[in-house]
C-alpha atoms as a PDB file:
ATOM      1  CA  MET A   1       0.000   0.000   0.000  1.00  0.00           C
ATOM      2  CA  SER A   2       1.343   3.419  -0.880  1.00  0.00           C
ATOM      3  CA  LYS A   3       2.155   6.029   1.735  1.00  0.00           C
ATOM      4  CA  GLY A   4      -0.641   8.275   0.472  1.00  0.00           C
ATOM      5  CA  LYS A   5      -3.325   5.586   0.780  1.00  0.00           C
ATOM      6  CA  ALA A   6      -2.220   4.652   4.325  1.00  0.00           C
ATOM      7  CA  LYS A   7      -2.342   8.320   5.326  1.00  0.00           C
ATOM      8  CA  GLU A   8      -5.805   8.648   3.740  1.00  0.00           C
ATOM      9  CA  LYS A   9      -7.038   5.574   5.677  1.00  0.00           C
ATOM     10  CA  ARG A  10      -5.753   6.994   8.991  1.00  0.00           C
ATOM     11  CA  GLY A  11      -7.401  10.327   8.189  1.00  0.00           C
ATOM     12  CA  GLY A  12     -10.732   8.606   7.497  1.00  0.00           C
ATOM     13  CA  PHE A  13     -10.488   6.625  10.738  1.00  0.00           C
ATOM     14  CA  LEU A  14      -9.641   9.790  12.677  1.00  0.00           C
ATOM     15  CA  ASP A  15     -12.659  11.549  11.131  1.00  0.00           C
ATOM     16  CA  VAL A  16     -14.932   8.739  12.341  1.00  0.00           C
ATOM     17  CA  VAL A  17     -13.479   8.866  15.872  1.00  0.00           C
ATOM     18  CA  VAL A  18     -13.841  12.662  16.051  1.00  0.00           C
ATOM     19  CA  THR A  19     -17.424  12.460  14.753  1.00  0.00           C
ATOM     20  CA  ILE A  20     -18.325   9.856  17.399  1.00  0.00           C
ATOM     21  CA  LEU A  21     -16.718  11.917  20.180  1.00  0.00           C
ATOM     22  CA  VAL A  22     -18.538  15.088  19.083  1.00  0.00           C
ATOM     23  CA  ALA A  23     -21.859  13.198  18.910  1.00  0.00           C
ATOM     24  CA  LEU A  24     -21.321  11.792  22.409  1.00  0.00           C
ATOM     25  CA  GLY A  25     -20.447  15.263  23.703  1.00  0.00           C
ATOM     26  CA  VAL A  26     -23.583  16.785  22.172  1.00  0.00           C
ATOM     27  CA  ALA A  27     -25.729  13.951  23.586  1.00  0.00           C
ATOM     28  CA  LEU A  28     -24.225  14.485  27.047  1.00  0.00           C
ATOM     29  CA  LEU A  29     -24.888  18.237  26.905  1.00  0.00           C
ATOM     30  CA  LEU A  30     -28.476  17.669  25.736  1.00  0.00           C
ATOM     31  CA  ARG A  31     -29.067  15.113  28.501  1.00  0.00           C
ATOM     32  CA  THR A  32     -27.574  17.394  31.166  1.00  0.00           C
ATOM     33  CA  PHE A  33     -29.174  20.713  30.217  1.00  0.00           C
ATOM     34  CA  VAL A  34     -32.088  20.132  27.823  1.00  0.00           C
ATOM     35  CA  VAL A  35     -33.898  16.807  28.295  1.00  0.00           C
ATOM     36  CA  GLY A  36     -34.128  14.057  30.853  1.00  0.00           C
ATOM     37  CA  VAL A  37     -35.168  10.451  30.469  1.00  0.00           C
ATOM     38  CA  TYR A  38     -36.936   8.855  33.433  1.00  0.00           C
ATOM     39  CA  GLU A  39     -38.274   5.410  34.244  1.00  0.00           C
ATOM     40  CA  VAL A  40     -41.301   5.317  36.536  1.00  0.00           C
ATOM     41  CA  PRO A  41     -40.552   2.973  39.468  1.00  0.00           C
ATOM     42  CA  SER A  42     -43.957   2.905  41.171  1.00  0.00           C
ATOM     43  CA  GLY A  43     -47.687   3.124  40.643  1.00  0.00           C
ATOM     44  CA  SER A  44     -48.139   6.506  42.357  1.00  0.00           C
ATOM     45  CA  MET A  45     -49.213   8.158  39.074  1.00  0.00           C
ATOM     46  CA  LEU A  46     -51.631   5.448  37.896  1.00  0.00           C
ATOM     47  CA  GLU A  47     -53.618   5.577  35.625  1.00  0.00           C
ATOM     48  CA  THR A  48     -51.922   8.508  33.896  1.00  0.00           C
ATOM     49  CA  ILE A  49     -48.473   6.897  33.985  1.00  0.00           C
ATOM     50  CA  GLN A  50     -47.900   3.163  34.342  1.00  0.00           C
ATOM     51  CA  GLU A  51     -45.174   1.550  36.406  1.00  0.00           C
ATOM     52  CA  GLY A  52     -42.172   1.020  34.102  1.00  0.00           C
ATOM     53  CA  ASP A  53     -43.151   3.721  31.579  1.00  0.00           C
ATOM     54  CA  LEU A  54     -40.274   5.756  30.141  1.00  0.00           C
ATOM     55  CA  LEU A  55     -40.781   9.524  30.232  1.00  0.00           C
ATOM     56  CA  LEU A  56     -39.155  12.423  28.418  1.00  0.00           C
ATOM     57  CA  GLY A  57     -38.843  15.632  30.418  1.00  0.00           C
ATOM     58  CA  GLU A  58     -37.599  19.035  29.337  1.00  0.00           C
ATOM     59  CA  LYS A  59     -35.343  21.164  31.548  1.00  0.00           C
ATOM     60  CA  VAL A  60     -34.871  24.395  29.600  1.00  0.00           C
ATOM     61  CA  THR A  61     -38.023  26.329  30.547  1.00  0.00           C
ATOM     62  CA  LEU A  62     -37.283  25.826  34.252  1.00  0.00           C
ATOM     63  CA  ASN A  63     -34.587  28.486  33.828  1.00  0.00           C
ATOM     64  CA  TRP A  64     -37.199  31.235  33.416  1.00  0.00           C
ATOM     65  CA  GLU A  65     -40.560  29.722  34.330  1.00  0.00           C
ATOM     66  CA  SER A  66     -41.659  27.936  37.495  1.00  0.00           C
ATOM     67  CA  PRO A  67     -43.871  24.862  37.257  1.00  0.00           C
ATOM     68  CA  LYS A  68     -47.591  25.627  37.259  1.00  0.00           C
ATOM     69  CA  ALA A  69     -50.656  23.738  38.459  1.00  0.00           C
ATOM     70  CA  GLY A  70     -51.365  20.740  36.247  1.00  0.00           C
ATOM     71  CA  ASP A  71     -47.746  20.199  35.170  1.00  0.00           C
ATOM     72  CA  VAL A  72     -46.321  16.729  35.715  1.00  0.00           C
ATOM     73  CA  VAL A  73     -42.796  17.243  37.052  1.00  0.00           C
ATOM     74  CA  THR A  74     -39.770  15.325  38.261  1.00  0.00           C
ATOM     75  CA  PHE A  75     -37.948  16.427  41.386  1.00  0.00           C
ATOM     76  CA  GLU A  76     -35.491  15.191  43.950  1.00  0.00           C
ATOM     77  CA  SER A  77     -37.246  13.481  46.829  1.00  0.00           C
ATOM     78  CA  PRO A  78     -37.264  15.650  49.962  1.00  0.00           C
ATOM     79  CA  ARG A  79     -36.867  12.462  52.027  1.00  0.00           C
ATOM     80  CA  GLU A  80     -34.462  10.390  49.916  1.00  0.00           C
ATOM     81  CA  PRO A  81     -31.689  12.464  48.322  1.00  0.00           C
ATOM     82  CA  GLY A  82     -30.654  11.025  44.981  1.00  0.00           C
ATOM     83  CA  THR A  83     -34.141   9.621  44.311  1.00  0.00           C
ATOM     84  CA  THR A  84     -36.207  11.229  41.558  1.00  0.00           C
ATOM     85  CA  LEU A  85     -39.995  11.354  41.971  1.00  0.00           C
ATOM     86  CA  VAL A  86     -42.738  12.097  39.416  1.00  0.00           C
ATOM     87  CA  LYS A  87     -45.896  13.918  40.569  1.00  0.00           C
ATOM     88  CA  ARG A  88     -48.503  16.432  39.402  1.00  0.00           C
ATOM     89  CA  VAL A  89     -48.326  20.069  40.548  1.00  0.00           C
ATOM     90  CA  ILE A  90     -51.548  20.908  42.391  1.00  0.00           C
ATOM     91  CA  ALA A  91     -50.750  24.372  43.765  1.00  0.00           C
ATOM     92  CA  VAL A  92     -47.964  26.957  43.721  1.00  0.00           C
ATOM     93  CA  ALA A  93     -46.574  29.516  46.155  1.00  0.00           C
ATOM     94  CA  GLY A  94     -49.222  31.674  47.800  1.00  0.00           C
ATOM     95  CA  GLN A  95     -52.085  29.282  47.083  1.00  0.00           C
ATOM     96  CA  THR A  96     -53.943  27.436  49.833  1.00  0.00           C
ATOM     97  CA  VAL A  97     -54.612  23.699  49.636  1.00  0.00           C
ATOM     98  CA  ASP A  98     -57.383  22.065  51.613  1.00  0.00           C
ATOM     99  CA  LEU A  99     -58.554  18.441  51.738  1.00  0.00           C
ATOM    100  CA  ARG A 100     -62.229  17.974  52.572  1.00  0.00           C
ATOM    101  CA  ASP A 101     -64.360  14.847  52.242  1.00  0.00           C
ATOM    102  CA  GLY A 102     -61.799  13.239  49.920  1.00  0.00           C
ATOM    103  CA  ASN A 103     -61.661  16.269  47.606  1.00  0.00           C
ATOM    104  CA  VAL A 104     -58.872  18.771  46.929  1.00  0.00           C
ATOM    105  CA  TYR A 105     -59.585  22.481  47.162  1.00  0.00           C
ATOM    106  CA  VAL A 106     -57.188  25.198  46.010  1.00  0.00           C
ATOM    107  CA  ASP A 107     -58.003  28.704  47.197  1.00  0.00           C
ATOM    108  CA  GLY A 108     -61.443  27.478  48.243  1.00  0.00           C
ATOM    109  CA  VAL A 109     -62.357  26.009  44.834  1.00  0.00           C
ATOM    110  CA  GLN A 110     -62.783  22.246  44.477  1.00  0.00           C
ATOM    111  CA  LEU A 111     -60.541  20.847  41.749  1.00  0.00           C
ATOM    112  CA  ASP A 112     -62.067  18.707  39.026  1.00  0.00           C
ATOM    113  CA  GLU A 113     -59.515  15.898  38.947  1.00  0.00           C
ATOM    114  CA  SER A 114     -61.747  13.166  37.562  1.00  0.00           C
ATOM    115  CA  SER A 115     -59.745  12.900  34.332  1.00  0.00           C
ATOM    116  CA  TYR A 116     -56.570  11.790  36.104  1.00  0.00           C
ATOM    117  CA  THR A 117     -57.487  10.450  39.573  1.00  0.00           C
ATOM    118  CA  LEU A 118     -60.315   8.209  38.370  1.00  0.00           C
ATOM    119  CA  GLY A 119     -62.375   9.487  41.287  1.00  0.00           C
ATOM    120  CA  LYS A 120     -60.021   8.167  43.974  1.00  0.00           C
ATOM    121  CA  PRO A 121     -60.348  10.177  47.202  1.00  0.00           C
ATOM    122  CA  SER A 122     -57.608  12.518  48.425  1.00  0.00           C
ATOM    123  CA  TYR A 123     -57.145  12.226  52.165  1.00  0.00           C
ATOM    124  CA  SER A 124     -54.538  13.711  54.464  1.00  0.00           C
ATOM    125  CA  LEU A 125     -51.481  11.569  55.176  1.00  0.00           C
ATOM    126  CA  SER A 126     -50.538  13.608  58.260  1.00  0.00           C
ATOM    127  CA  ASP A 127     -51.374  10.747  60.621  1.00  0.00           C
ATOM    128  CA  GLN A 128     -48.875   8.352  58.999  1.00  0.00           C
ATOM    129  CA  ALA A 129     -45.625   7.674  60.831  1.00  0.00           C
ATOM    130  CA  GLY A 130     -42.833   9.847  59.475  1.00  0.00           C
ATOM    131  CA  SER A 131     -45.122  12.375  57.817  1.00  0.00           C
ATOM    132  CA  ALA A 132     -44.494  16.116  57.915  1.00  0.00           C
ATOM    133  CA  GLY A 133     -47.692  16.534  59.957  1.00  0.00           C
ATOM    134  CA  ILE A 134     -49.323  19.010  57.572  1.00  0.00           C
ATOM    135  CA  SER A 135     -52.568  20.554  58.834  1.00  0.00           C
ATOM    136  CA  TYR A 136     -55.192  21.937  56.478  1.00  0.00           C
ATOM    137  CA  PRO A 137     -55.895  24.408  55.041  1.00  0.00           C
ATOM    138  CA  TYR A 138     -52.210  24.823  54.148  1.00  0.00           C
ATOM    139  CA  THR A 139     -50.711  27.831  52.332  1.00  0.00           C
ATOM    140  CA  ILE A 140     -47.772  27.054  50.044  1.00  0.00           C
ATOM    141  CA  PRO A 141     -44.706  29.142  51.002  1.00  0.00           C
ATOM    142  CA  ASP A 142     -42.663  31.189  48.504  1.00  0.00           C
ATOM    143  CA  GLY A 143     -40.266  29.073  46.462  1.00  0.00           C
ATOM    144  CA  TYR A 144     -42.331  25.894  46.853  1.00  0.00           C
ATOM    145  CA  ILE A 145     -44.997  23.872  45.039  1.00  0.00           C
ATOM    146  CA  TRP A 146     -47.553  21.315  46.226  1.00  0.00           C
ATOM    147  CA  VAL A 147     -47.426  17.986  44.358  1.00  0.00           C
ATOM    148  CA  MET A 148     -49.617  14.903  44.471  1.00  0.00           C
ATOM    149  CA  GLY A 149     -49.615  11.558  42.713  1.00  0.00           C
ATOM    150  CA  ASP A 150     -52.641  10.799  40.542  1.00  0.00           C
ATOM    151  CA  ASN A 151     -53.099   7.478  42.364  1.00  0.00           C
ATOM    152  CA  ARG A 152     -54.275   9.271  45.499  1.00  0.00           C
ATOM    153  CA  THR A 153     -54.775   6.152  47.573  1.00  0.00           C
ATOM    154  CA  ASN A 154     -51.216   4.928  46.898  1.00  0.00           C
ATOM    155  CA  SER A 155     -48.899   7.939  46.697  1.00  0.00           C
ATOM    156  CA  LEU A 156     -46.539   9.504  49.197  1.00  0.00           C
ATOM    157  CA  ASP A 157     -46.553  13.128  48.088  1.00  0.00           C
ATOM    158  CA  SER A 158     -46.847  16.631  49.582  1.00  0.00           C
ATOM    159  CA  ARG A 159     -49.576  15.330  51.869  1.00  0.00           C
ATOM    160  CA  TYR A 160     -46.814  13.202  53.422  1.00  0.00           C
ATOM    161  CA  PHE A 161     -43.534  15.110  52.987  1.00  0.00           C
ATOM    162  CA  GLY A 162     -44.835  18.671  52.642  1.00  0.00           C
ATOM    163  CA  PRO A 163     -44.273  21.183  49.859  1.00  0.00           C
ATOM    164  CA  VAL A 164     -41.403  20.739  47.382  1.00  0.00           C
ATOM    165  CA  ARG A 165     -38.773  23.383  46.678  1.00  0.00           C
ATOM    166  CA  VAL A 166     -39.079  24.729  43.136  1.00  0.00           C
ATOM    167  CA  SER A 167     -35.272  24.551  42.967  1.00  0.00           C
ATOM    168  CA  SER A 168     -35.451  20.751  43.358  1.00  0.00           C
ATOM    169  CA  VAL A 169     -37.629  20.348  40.233  1.00  0.00           C
ATOM    170  CA  THR A 170     -35.500  18.719  37.542  1.00  0.00           C
ATOM    171  CA  SER A 171     -37.892  18.665  34.573  1.00  0.00           C
ATOM    172  CA  LYS A 172     -41.405  19.080  33.237  1.00  0.00           C
ATOM    173  CA  ILE A 173     -42.606  15.850  31.675  1.00  0.00           C
ATOM    174  CA  LEU A 174     -43.438  16.164  27.978  1.00  0.00           C
ATOM    175  CA  CYS A 175     -44.522  12.641  27.158  1.00  0.00           C
ATOM    176  CA  ILE A 176     -44.438   8.932  27.742  1.00  0.00           C
ATOM    177  CA  TYR A 177     -42.326   7.490  24.920  1.00  0.00           C
ATOM    178  CA  TRP A 178     -42.173   3.804  25.849  1.00  0.00           C
ATOM    179  CA  PRO A 179     -43.761   1.247  25.737  1.00  0.00           C
ATOM    180  CA  ILE A 180     -45.555   1.960  22.474  1.00  0.00           C
ATOM    181  CA  PRO A 181     -49.104   1.277  23.778  1.00  0.00           C
ATOM    182  CA  ASP A 182     -48.602   3.936  26.497  1.00  0.00           C
ATOM    183  CA  VAL A 183     -47.124   6.661  24.240  1.00  0.00           C
ATOM    184  CA  LYS A 184     -48.840  10.022  24.808  1.00  0.00           C
ATOM    185  CA  ALA A 185     -48.156  13.670  25.544  1.00  0.00           C
ATOM    186  CA  LEU A 186     -48.684  14.799  29.127  1.00  0.00           C
END
C-alpha cells in the first residue's frame, strides 16, 4: 500500500473517531441541560403513567418559568436524596390547599380531577408515621410547590412530605415514549 493511501485511511479513521466523540459530547450536553429520560418505578401516578413507563422531560423552561398547576414534574425526593420522583403540581406559592371529604380544594375552589385520579379520594397523610404533619388548610410558602400523585390512595406526596422546593424540580414531563401502547403527551 502506498504512503498516500495509508495516510488517507488513517485520516478517514480519525474523522470517524472525532465524529463519534462530538456526537457523544452533544448527547451528554443535551441530557444534562435540555432533556431528561426517566423510568417510573412505582404506581403513584396510575392511571396517567404506568409503572415502568419511560418519560421524556424538558429542563430548559425551568430556567425562566416555574412549574404551574397541572404540570407533571420530576424532582429530587425531599426524604431520599438522589431519588427522583414524578408527581402532578396541584398548587404553587401563595395558594392554599385544603382536603375535605376526599376532595382537593385550592383557594377554596374544588378541583375537578376526575380525568386523572379516576375518582379516587384525596385524604390527608398527616397521621402516617414519618409524615411532615401538615394541617389543612395549608398555604404554600414562597419558592415551593404542592405535588400529588394521581393514584391518590397509593402515593406519598406533599400530603406526606410537605411542599417541594421549586429549585429541586428537575424537569417538566413532555410525554411517555415507551412502551408503544402507552405513548402520549402529558
